[in-house]
């Protein structure tokens, strides 16, 4: 980089350069490469490269008394959905809460707190090539996370120093080749329910249908191309650095992933597929496969969405498989909005035994009662599918009020519940747990956001949360 380019770039970033100032220096600004490449934001350029710089710092502080039992509302095939980890010391299924710092340490107090700082710093260097823009991407992340349970401070396992979360090279325009440490091309979109409470298994699958144990991201080689007419195809080798150090011989490295996407007028759709555990060349318990598909259509006042997944893997004796489907619709009529959603999942356990079929549904009604004021009323239900296990439910009412252009208030009241368990032999009584929450969010602009909120449970647990974040680009 030329010295004058660095000086001018620094001056421009500081907001001090003006036309008169540049004229006094008797030189031109060196942003021509960025302009030619169509790149904007915070940039520094040399004769051949444009460097874009962006970043974000977010802070979260939580204080209250919530360490204890998560009484499970929905025991899905993929995991358990709690009504919050609030309450006593033992889960409904008899498993001690994992947040307990030490089974031998007497609680110093009843107070719990979290303090977390997350940092992101991203650099993208771009230059022209005969095949289109050539890029190098370096994405640095740091997480500083301390938590206390019952007054005992412990470091969270997600703590890590500043490191390269992504570090890869890329070249191309309508056809793009990427290689290095990068996120996955596996598409998991078009699968979130429209109703405001969501669905129980969908929450456990991170808002959608479960895509299975797809080994993805990490060390990758990816190729994607635009076919025209809204179609994009992607293929890649991913998880090339994946290993399971705890299970010798369970080699999970190497996933072949393929994706076909479509985006047209009012319709988005995709199908993603993955076969994992390929590099060792033999069949082991690390070998898995997964398919995820979703479609969303928007037609005037109506939205419809359908999604499904099918996944499985090798296991001694008999392979396992799991399917998950979801459908959701939303209709908007002037000031009113109605949404309905349903989900189901089932499959075969390792060893060949059939799994019970779980299902659930939910719905919500929303209305804009005045300018900037919206109410939502809804609920969700989950049937475990296992004989003798009670059903779970949630009913909630929400108010969202935009006080000003920069201040928004959100309040919610509701109840979680679970029916009586009559299996195994010792029955667990039914229970319900009312809750209330409120949040004040502030977004004054400039990439800064902040909020403070609180949640209280009928069982006496509570949590106060403060957040603040600032991004730049």
Protein backbone atom coordinates (compact mmCIF):
# COMPACT_ATOMS: atom_id res chain seq x y z
CA UNK A 1 0.00 0.00 0.00
CA UNK A 2 1.36 3.41 -0.89
CA UNK A 3 2.05 5.75 2.00
CA UNK A 4 -0.16 8.51 0.61
CA UNK A 5 -3.03 6.00 0.22
CA UNK A 6 -2.71 4.93 3.86
CA UNK A 7 -2.62 8.54 5.05
CA UNK A 8 -5.65 9.52 2.99
CA UNK A 9 -7.55 6.42 4.01
CA UNK A 10 -6.94 7.16 7.68
CA UNK A 11 -7.98 10.79 7.24
CA UNK A 12 -11.16 9.77 5.44
CA UNK A 13 -12.04 7.22 8.13
CA UNK A 14 -11.64 9.86 10.81
CA UNK A 15 -14.04 12.13 8.95
CA UNK A 16 -11.48 14.90 8.54
CA UNK A 17 -10.94 14.88 4.78
CA UNK A 18 -12.71 17.55 2.78
CA UNK A 19 -12.43 18.61 -0.81
CA UNK A 20 -10.46 21.68 0.24
CA UNK A 21 -8.16 19.65 2.49
CA UNK A 22 -7.41 17.17 -0.31
CA UNK A 23 -6.78 20.03 -2.69
CA UNK A 24 -4.27 21.54 -0.25
CA UNK A 25 -2.40 18.22 -0.24
CA UNK A 26 -2.30 18.36 -4.02
CA UNK A 27 -3.25 14.65 -4.42
CA UNK A 28 -6.37 12.62 -5.22
CA UNK A 29 -8.06 10.23 -2.82
CA UNK A 30 -7.24 6.59 -3.48
CA UNK A 31 -10.72 5.11 -3.33
CA UNK A 32 -10.83 4.34 -7.07
CA UNK A 33 -10.32 0.58 -6.62
CA UNK A 34 -13.20 0.35 -4.13
CA UNK A 35 -15.46 2.38 -6.44
CA UNK A 36 -14.59 0.23 -9.44
CA UNK A 37 -15.40 -2.92 -7.47
CA UNK A 38 -18.68 -1.42 -6.21
CA UNK A 39 -17.59 -1.65 -2.57
CA UNK A 40 -18.60 0.84 0.10
CA UNK A 41 -18.49 1.32 3.85
CA UNK A 42 -15.33 1.71 5.89
CA UNK A 43 -12.63 1.00 3.31
CA UNK A 44 -8.90 1.43 2.73
CA UNK A 45 -7.50 0.98 -0.75
CA UNK A 46 -4.16 0.43 -2.42
CA UNK A 47 -3.48 0.44 -6.15
CA UNK A 48 -4.97 -3.05 -6.58
CA UNK A 49 -6.90 -4.02 -3.41
CA UNK A 50 -9.85 -2.67 -1.45
CA UNK A 51 -9.99 -3.55 2.23
CA UNK A 52 -13.40 -3.40 3.92
CA UNK A 53 -13.47 -3.31 7.72
CA UNK A 54 -16.52 -4.01 9.86
CA UNK A 55 -17.14 -5.11 13.42
CA UNK A 56 -19.41 -5.33 16.41
CA UNK A 57 -19.20 -5.43 20.20
CA UNK A 58 -22.15 -6.68 22.23
CA UNK A 59 -22.53 -6.91 26.00
CA UNK A 60 -25.07 -8.86 28.05
CA UNK A 61 -25.56 -8.82 31.82
CA UNK A 62 -28.13 -11.00 33.59
CA UNK A 63 -28.94 -11.04 37.29
CA UNK A 64 -31.52 -12.90 39.34
CA UNK A 65 -32.34 -16.29 40.78
CA UNK A 66 -32.96 -18.88 38.11
CA UNK A 67 -30.50 -21.72 38.74
CA UNK A 68 -32.39 -24.92 39.24
CA UNK A 69 -34.76 -27.31 37.57
CA UNK A 70 -36.02 -26.98 34.05
CA UNK A 71 -39.39 -28.71 34.28
CA UNK A 72 -39.72 -30.01 30.76
CA UNK A 73 -42.82 -28.94 28.90
CA UNK A 74 -42.08 -30.94 25.76
CA UNK A 75 -39.91 -34.05 25.63
CA UNK A 76 -39.21 -34.16 21.91
CA UNK A 77 -37.28 -36.88 20.08
CA UNK A 78 -34.38 -34.46 19.57
CA UNK A 79 -34.28 -32.96 23.06
CA UNK A 80 -36.29 -31.35 25.84
CA UNK A 81 -37.95 -27.94 25.79
CA UNK A 82 -38.09 -26.42 29.28
CA UNK A 83 -40.29 -23.68 30.62
CA UNK A 84 -37.01 -21.95 31.63
CA UNK A 85 -34.29 -23.31 33.91
CA UNK A 86 -36.02 -21.85 36.96
CA UNK A 87 -37.01 -23.58 40.17
CA UNK A 88 -35.63 -26.44 42.29
CA UNK A 89 -32.45 -28.48 41.98
CA UNK A 90 -33.70 -31.54 40.10
CA UNK A 91 -35.24 -31.75 36.62
CA UNK A 92 -38.63 -33.36 36.13
CA UNK A 93 -36.90 -36.42 34.68
CA UNK A 94 -34.61 -36.70 37.73
CA UNK A 95 -31.47 -35.31 36.09
CA UNK A 96 -29.58 -32.67 38.04
CA UNK A 97 -29.33 -29.33 36.30
CA UNK A 98 -25.99 -29.01 34.47
CA UNK A 99 -25.57 -25.42 35.63
CA UNK A 100 -24.95 -26.51 39.22
CA UNK A 101 -21.28 -25.44 39.73
CA UNK A 102 -20.35 -28.31 42.02
CA UNK A 103 -22.22 -31.12 43.69
CA UNK A 104 -19.91 -30.76 46.68
CA UNK A 105 -20.06 -26.99 47.10
CA UNK A 106 -22.69 -25.57 49.42
CA UNK A 107 -24.52 -22.64 47.80
CA UNK A 108 -23.00 -19.33 48.88
CA UNK A 109 -26.26 -17.53 48.09
CA UNK A 110 -29.32 -17.86 45.91
CA UNK A 111 -28.14 -15.26 43.41
CA UNK A 112 -27.16 -16.06 39.82
CA UNK A 113 -25.60 -13.78 37.21
CA UNK A 114 -23.97 -13.76 33.78
CA UNK A 115 -21.62 -11.20 32.23
CA UNK A 116 -20.70 -11.67 28.57
CA UNK A 117 -18.78 -9.57 26.03
CA UNK A 118 -18.68 -10.71 22.40
CA UNK A 119 -16.39 -9.07 19.86
CA UNK A 120 -16.40 -9.35 16.07
CA UNK A 121 -13.84 -7.80 13.72
CA UNK A 122 -14.10 -8.64 10.03
CA UNK A 123 -11.70 -7.83 7.18
CA UNK A 124 -12.51 -8.42 3.52
CA UNK A 125 -9.79 -7.69 0.97
CA UNK A 126 -10.95 -7.61 -2.65
CA UNK A 127 -9.15 -7.24 -5.98
CA UNK A 128 -10.04 -7.75 -9.62
CA UNK A 129 -9.17 -10.99 -11.43
CA UNK A 130 -9.91 -12.56 -14.80
CA UNK A 131 -12.56 -14.73 -13.10
CA UNK A 132 -14.27 -11.96 -11.14
CA UNK A 133 -13.58 -10.41 -7.71
CA UNK A 134 -10.88 -12.21 -5.70
CA UNK A 135 -11.38 -11.99 -1.93
CA UNK A 136 -9.74 -12.93 1.31
CA UNK A 137 -12.00 -12.92 4.39
CA UNK A 138 -10.72 -12.89 7.97
CA UNK A 139 -13.41 -12.93 10.66
CA UNK A 140 -12.01 -12.52 14.19
CA UNK A 141 -14.19 -13.29 17.21
CA UNK A 142 -13.76 -13.22 20.98
CA UNK A 143 -16.12 -14.25 23.77
CA UNK A 144 -15.45 -13.25 27.37
CA UNK A 145 -18.12 -14.96 29.48
CA UNK A 146 -18.29 -15.31 33.27
CA UNK A 147 -21.27 -16.72 35.09
CA UNK A 148 -22.26 -17.39 38.69
CA UNK A 149 -24.71 -19.97 39.97
CA UNK A 150 -25.86 -19.73 43.59
CA UNK A 151 -23.15 -17.13 44.20
CA UNK A 152 -20.31 -19.31 42.87
CA UNK A 153 -18.47 -17.74 39.92
CA UNK A 154 -17.33 -20.07 37.14
CA UNK A 155 -15.96 -19.52 33.65
CA UNK A 156 -18.28 -20.56 30.86
CA UNK A 157 -17.09 -23.25 28.47
CA UNK A 158 -17.84 -20.97 25.51
CA UNK A 159 -15.08 -18.58 26.58
CA UNK A 160 -12.39 -18.10 23.96
CA UNK A 161 -9.68 -15.58 23.12
CA UNK A 162 -9.62 -13.61 19.89
CA UNK A 163 -9.41 -16.16 17.10
CA UNK A 164 -10.12 -16.56 13.40
CA UNK A 165 -13.69 -17.83 13.30
CA UNK A 166 -13.53 -17.59 9.50
CA UNK A 167 -10.41 -17.41 7.32
CA UNK A 168 -10.92 -18.22 3.66
CA UNK A 169 -10.20 -17.18 0.08
CA UNK A 170 -12.82 -16.72 -2.60
CA UNK A 171 -12.92 -15.86 -6.30
CA UNK A 172 -15.73 -15.37 -8.79
CA UNK A 173 -18.89 -13.48 -9.58
CA UNK A 174 -21.77 -15.60 -10.93
CA UNK A 175 -19.67 -18.68 -10.17
CA UNK A 176 -17.76 -18.54 -6.88
CA UNK A 177 -15.04 -20.83 -5.53
CA UNK A 178 -14.33 -20.68 -1.76
CA UNK A 179 -11.74 -22.52 0.33
CA UNK A 180 -10.54 -22.31 3.93
CA UNK A 181 -12.27 -22.03 7.31
CA UNK A 182 -15.83 -20.95 6.64
CA UNK A 183 -19.50 -21.47 7.43
CA UNK A 184 -21.59 -24.04 5.62
CA UNK A 185 -23.50 -23.72 2.35
CA UNK A 186 -26.17 -26.07 3.82
CA UNK A 187 -29.44 -24.11 3.64
CA UNK A 188 -31.75 -24.48 6.68
CA UNK A 189 -34.11 -21.61 5.88
CA UNK A 190 -37.79 -21.35 4.96
CA UNK A 191 -38.82 -23.42 7.99
CA UNK A 192 -39.77 -21.07 10.85
CA UNK A 193 -43.44 -21.04 11.94
CA UNK A 194 -45.30 -17.73 11.59
CA UNK A 195 -47.24 -17.78 14.89
CA UNK A 196 -45.56 -15.62 17.53
CA UNK A 197 -45.10 -18.34 20.19
CA UNK A 198 -43.61 -20.74 17.64
CA UNK A 199 -43.72 -24.52 18.13
CA UNK A 200 -42.03 -26.69 20.76
CA UNK A 201 -39.92 -28.99 18.59
CA UNK A 202 -39.21 -26.07 16.27
CA UNK A 203 -37.66 -24.21 19.21
CA UNK A 204 -35.53 -27.22 20.07
CA UNK A 205 -34.35 -27.33 16.43
CA UNK A 206 -33.33 -23.65 16.61
CA UNK A 207 -36.55 -22.36 15.03
CA UNK A 208 -37.46 -24.81 12.29
CA UNK A 209 -37.23 -28.48 11.40
CA UNK A 210 -34.30 -30.54 12.64
CA UNK A 211 -31.74 -31.07 9.88
CA UNK A 212 -30.05 -33.97 11.66
CA UNK A 213 -26.44 -34.31 12.78
CA UNK A 214 -25.07 -32.73 9.60
CA UNK A 215 -21.28 -32.31 9.89
CA UNK A 216 -20.80 -28.95 8.22
CA UNK A 217 -18.66 -25.84 8.04
CA UNK A 218 -15.10 -25.77 9.37
CA UNK A 219 -12.46 -26.52 6.75
CA UNK A 220 -14.26 -26.35 3.41
CA UNK A 221 -13.98 -26.35 -0.39
CA UNK A 222 -17.15 -24.88 -1.92
CA UNK A 223 -18.41 -24.02 -5.39
CA UNK A 224 -21.62 -22.14 -6.16
CA UNK A 225 -23.07 -20.86 -9.41
CA UNK A 226 -26.11 -18.96 -10.65
CA UNK A 227 -28.03 -20.81 -13.35
CA UNK A 228 -30.36 -17.93 -14.14
CA UNK A 229 -34.14 -17.68 -13.74
CA UNK A 230 -33.63 -17.45 -9.96
CA UNK A 231 -31.82 -20.78 -9.52
CA UNK A 232 -28.53 -21.19 -7.64
CA UNK A 233 -26.63 -24.45 -7.21
CA UNK A 234 -23.99 -25.17 -4.57
CA UNK A 235 -21.70 -28.10 -3.88
CA UNK A 236 -18.94 -28.49 -1.32
CA UNK A 237 -16.69 -30.64 0.79
CA UNK A 238 -17.01 -29.52 4.41
CA UNK A 239 -16.05 -30.59 7.95
CA UNK A 240 -12.67 -31.71 6.60
CA UNK A 241 -11.20 -31.06 10.06
CA UNK A 242 -14.01 -32.80 11.99
CA UNK A 243 -13.08 -35.50 14.54
CA UNK A 244 -14.54 -37.08 17.65
CA UNK A 245 -11.75 -37.29 20.19
CA UNK A 246 -14.00 -39.02 22.73
CA UNK A 247 -14.93 -42.01 20.56
CA UNK A 248 -11.90 -43.62 18.90
CA UNK A 249 -12.76 -44.78 15.40
CA UNK A 250 -15.82 -42.52 15.22
CA UNK A 251 -14.38 -40.49 12.36
CA UNK A 252 -16.76 -37.72 11.35
CA UNK A 253 -14.44 -35.87 8.94
CA UNK A 254 -15.57 -35.07 5.43
CA UNK A 255 -19.10 -34.14 4.35
CA UNK A 256 -20.31 -33.85 0.77
CA UNK A 257 -23.00 -31.16 0.64
CA UNK A 258 -25.22 -30.14 -2.25
CA UNK A 259 -27.81 -27.35 -2.38
CA UNK A 260 -30.32 -26.13 -4.94
CA UNK A 261 -32.03 -22.79 -4.24
CA UNK A 262 -34.74 -20.79 -5.99
CA UNK A 263 -35.88 -17.21 -5.48
CA UNK A 264 -38.57 -15.84 -7.74
CA UNK A 265 -41.52 -13.50 -7.53
CA UNK A 266 -43.14 -14.25 -4.17
CA UNK A 267 -41.47 -17.65 -3.77
CA UNK A 268 -38.27 -18.85 -2.11
CA UNK A 269 -37.35 -22.54 -1.91
CA UNK A 270 -34.41 -24.86 -1.40
CA UNK A 271 -33.31 -28.43 -0.92
CA UNK A 272 -30.06 -29.29 0.87
CA UNK A 273 -28.43 -32.68 1.21
CA UNK A 274 -25.40 -33.97 3.07
CA UNK A 275 -23.47 -37.22 3.43
CA UNK A 276 -20.91 -37.19 6.26
CA UNK A 277 -17.94 -39.17 7.51
CA UNK A 278 -16.42 -39.77 4.07
CA UNK A 279 -12.68 -39.24 4.53
CA UNK A 280 -11.86 -42.52 6.27
CA UNK A 281 -13.31 -44.53 3.40
CA UNK A 282 -15.12 -47.00 5.65
CA UNK A 283 -18.53 -47.20 7.29
CA UNK A 284 -18.45 -46.15 10.95
CA UNK A 285 -20.77 -44.60 13.52
CA UNK A 286 -19.56 -41.18 12.37
CA UNK A 287 -21.28 -41.66 9.00
CA UNK A 288 -24.49 -39.65 8.70
CA UNK A 289 -26.80 -38.14 6.09
CA UNK A 290 -29.37 -35.37 6.13
CA UNK A 291 -31.87 -33.69 3.81
CA UNK A 292 -33.55 -30.36 4.51
CA UNK A 293 -36.12 -28.68 2.25
CA UNK A 294 -38.33 -25.64 2.61
CA UNK A 295 -40.57 -23.39 0.54
CA UNK A 296 -42.25 -20.06 1.31
CA UNK A 297 -44.88 -18.42 -0.87
CA UNK A 298 -46.19 -14.87 -0.44
CA UNK A 299 -49.42 -14.07 -2.26
CA UNK A 300 -50.90 -10.66 -1.52
CA UNK A 301 -52.25 -10.95 2.05
CA UNK A 302 -51.29 -14.60 2.51
CA UNK A 303 -48.08 -16.43 3.34
CA UNK A 304 -47.66 -20.20 3.32
CA UNK A 305 -44.64 -22.25 4.32
CA UNK A 306 -43.79 -25.93 4.31
CA UNK A 307 -40.56 -27.60 5.39
CA UNK A 308 -39.29 -31.08 6.00
CA UNK A 309 -36.15 -32.97 6.92
CA UNK A 310 -35.00 -36.57 6.88
CA UNK A 311 -31.75 -37.67 8.47
CA UNK A 312 -30.02 -40.78 9.67
CA UNK A 313 -26.77 -42.53 10.37
CA UNK A 314 -24.95 -45.80 10.66
CA UNK A 315 -25.27 -47.80 13.86
CA UNK A 316 -24.23 -51.33 14.75
CA UNK A 317 -27.13 -53.72 14.28
CA UNK A 318 -29.47 -51.31 12.52
CA UNK A 319 -29.23 -47.74 11.30
CA UNK A 320 -31.25 -44.91 12.81
CA UNK A 321 -33.40 -42.32 11.01
CA UNK A 322 -35.52 -39.31 11.97
CA UNK A 323 -38.04 -37.29 10.00
CA UNK A 324 -39.51 -33.88 10.87
CA UNK A 325 -42.18 -31.87 9.04
CA UNK A 326 -43.68 -28.41 9.54
CA UNK A 327 -46.39 -26.35 7.85
CA UNK A 328 -47.40 -22.78 8.63
CA UNK A 329 -49.65 -20.08 7.20
CA UNK A 330 -50.34 -16.43 7.85
CA UNK A 331 -53.12 -14.12 6.66
CA UNK A 332 -53.17 -10.33 7.06
CA UNK A 333 -56.44 -8.38 6.86
CA UNK A 334 -56.00 -4.63 7.30
CA UNK A 335 -55.20 -4.32 11.02
CA UNK A 336 -55.52 -8.05 11.82
CA UNK A 337 -53.12 -10.96 11.37
CA UNK A 338 -53.82 -14.67 11.91
CA UNK A 339 -51.21 -17.45 11.88
CA UNK A 340 -51.50 -21.24 12.25
CA UNK A 341 -48.69 -23.81 12.41
CA UNK A 342 -48.26 -27.55 12.91
CA UNK A 343 -45.33 -29.97 13.23
CA UNK A 344 -44.69 -33.70 13.51
CA UNK A 345 -41.64 -35.93 13.92
CA UNK A 346 -40.81 -39.60 14.24
CA UNK A 347 -38.42 -42.24 13.00
CA UNK A 348 -36.37 -45.28 13.95
CA UNK A 349 -33.93 -45.54 16.84
CA UNK A 350 -30.47 -47.08 16.57
CA UNK A 351 -31.09 -50.81 16.73
CA UNK A 352 -34.25 -50.67 14.62
CA UNK A 353 -36.98 -49.90 17.18
CA UNK A 354 -39.69 -47.54 15.94
CA UNK A 355 -39.89 -44.20 17.71
CA UNK A 356 -43.17 -42.73 18.85
CA UNK A 357 -44.58 -40.02 16.61
CA UNK A 358 -44.66 -36.60 18.26
CA UNK A 359 -46.82 -33.75 17.00
CA UNK A 360 -47.74 -30.23 17.93
CA UNK A 361 -49.59 -27.18 16.70
CA UNK A 362 -49.89 -23.50 17.49
CA UNK A 363 -51.72 -20.38 16.49
CA UNK A 364 -51.83 -16.67 17.11
CA UNK A 365 -53.99 -13.65 16.49
CA UNK A 366 -52.45 -10.20 16.11
CA UNK A 367 -53.88 -6.73 15.72
CA UNK A 368 -52.52 -3.24 15.26
CA UNK A 369 -54.84 -1.39 17.63
CA UNK A 370 -53.27 2.05 17.10
CA UNK A 371 -50.30 3.54 15.34
CA UNK A 372 -47.22 1.84 16.74
CA UNK A 373 -49.19 -0.44 19.09
CA UNK A 374 -49.59 -4.16 18.35
CA UNK A 375 -51.06 -7.00 20.38
CA UNK A 376 -50.54 -10.75 19.89
CA UNK A 377 -52.48 -13.57 21.55
CA UNK A 378 -51.64 -17.19 20.96
CA UNK A 379 -50.46 -20.52 22.18
CA UNK A 380 -48.88 -23.85 21.30
CA UNK A 381 -49.45 -27.50 22.21
CA UNK A 382 -47.24 -30.59 22.07
CA UNK A 383 -48.19 -34.27 22.22
CA UNK A 384 -45.25 -36.43 23.25
CA UNK A 385 -46.52 -39.53 21.47
CA UNK A 386 -45.26 -41.73 24.30
CA UNK A 387 -47.97 -43.52 26.24
CA UNK A 388 -48.27 -42.21 29.78
CA UNK A 389 -46.40 -38.93 29.21
CA UNK A 390 -48.48 -35.78 29.66
CA UNK A 391 -48.90 -33.15 26.96
CA UNK A 392 -47.28 -29.72 27.11
CA UNK A 393 -48.70 -26.28 26.31
CA UNK A 394 -48.08 -22.55 26.45
CA UNK A 395 -50.60 -19.68 26.29
CA UNK A 396 -49.36 -16.10 25.99
CA UNK A 397 -50.43 -12.52 25.32
CA UNK A 398 -48.01 -9.89 24.06
CA UNK A 399 -48.06 -6.10 23.71
CA UNK A 400 -45.59 -4.20 21.51
CA UNK A 401 -45.62 -0.40 21.67
CA UNK A 402 -43.36 1.91 19.69
CA UNK A 403 -43.22 4.86 22.07
CA UNK A 404 -41.02 6.90 19.74
CA UNK A 405 -39.03 6.14 16.60
CA UNK A 406 -36.18 4.92 18.80
CA UNK A 407 -37.92 3.43 21.86
CA UNK A 408 -40.01 0.26 21.92
CA UNK A 409 -41.71 -1.49 24.85
CA UNK A 410 -42.61 -5.19 24.77
CA UNK A 411 -44.60 -6.91 27.48
CA UNK A 412 -45.80 -10.50 27.75
CA UNK A 413 -47.77 -12.62 30.19
CA UNK A 414 -48.46 -16.31 29.89
CA UNK A 415 -48.46 -19.78 31.36
CA UNK A 416 -46.55 -22.98 30.64
CA UNK A 417 -48.12 -26.29 31.57
CA UNK A 418 -47.61 -30.04 31.43
CA UNK A 419 -50.07 -32.85 32.00
CA UNK A 420 -49.70 -35.69 34.46
CA UNK A 421 -47.18 -38.42 33.70
CA UNK A 422 -48.46 -41.92 34.46
CA UNK A 423 -45.40 -43.73 33.05
CA UNK A 424 -43.03 -45.00 34.19
CA UNK A 425 -44.65 -46.54 37.27
CA UNK A 426 -44.12 -43.46 39.48
CA UNK A 427 -46.42 -40.74 38.17
CA UNK A 428 -45.35 -37.10 37.97
CA UNK A 429 -48.12 -34.66 38.80
CA UNK A 430 -49.29 -32.09 36.30
CA UNK A 431 -48.02 -28.55 36.79
CA UNK A 432 -48.38 -25.03 35.47
CA UNK A 433 -46.14 -22.01 35.79
CA UNK A 434 -47.34 -18.46 35.11
CA UNK A 435 -44.82 -15.86 33.99
CA UNK A 436 -44.58 -12.19 33.05
CA UNK A 437 -41.91 -10.27 31.19
CA UNK A 438 -41.22 -6.73 29.99
CA UNK A 439 -38.49 -5.16 27.89
CA UNK A 440 -37.55 -1.58 27.02
CA UNK A 441 -35.51 -1.38 23.80
CA UNK A 442 -33.66 1.71 22.59
CA UNK A 443 -32.16 2.16 19.11
CA UNK A 444 -31.00 5.80 18.76
CA UNK A 445 -29.17 5.08 15.51
CA UNK A 446 -25.53 4.95 14.55
CA UNK A 447 -25.56 1.17 14.84
CA UNK A 448 -26.14 1.33 18.62
CA UNK A 449 -28.85 -0.74 20.31
CA UNK A 450 -29.65 -1.32 23.96
CA UNK A 451 -32.36 -2.92 26.07
CA UNK A 452 -33.29 -3.74 29.63
CA UNK A 453 -35.82 -6.37 30.52
CA UNK A 454 -37.09 -8.58 33.32
CA UNK A 455 -38.89 -11.90 33.63
CA UNK A 456 -40.57 -13.36 36.72
CA UNK A 457 -42.01 -16.85 37.24
CA UNK A 458 -44.83 -18.06 39.46
CA UNK A 459 -42.35 -20.32 41.26
CA UNK A 460 -40.41 -17.26 42.52
CA UNK A 461 -37.58 -17.29 40.00
CA UNK A 462 -36.64 -14.04 38.23
CA UNK A 463 -34.08 -12.64 35.81
CA UNK A 464 -33.14 -9.06 34.86
CA UNK A 465 -31.26 -8.62 31.57
CA UNK A 466 -29.33 -5.65 30.20
CA UNK A 467 -27.95 -5.59 26.65
CA UNK A 468 -25.96 -3.09 24.62
CA UNK A 469 -24.31 -3.41 21.21
CA UNK A 470 -22.69 -1.26 18.53
CA UNK A 471 -21.75 -2.27 15.00
CA UNK A 472 -19.84 -0.48 12.27
CA UNK A 473 -19.14 -1.10 8.61
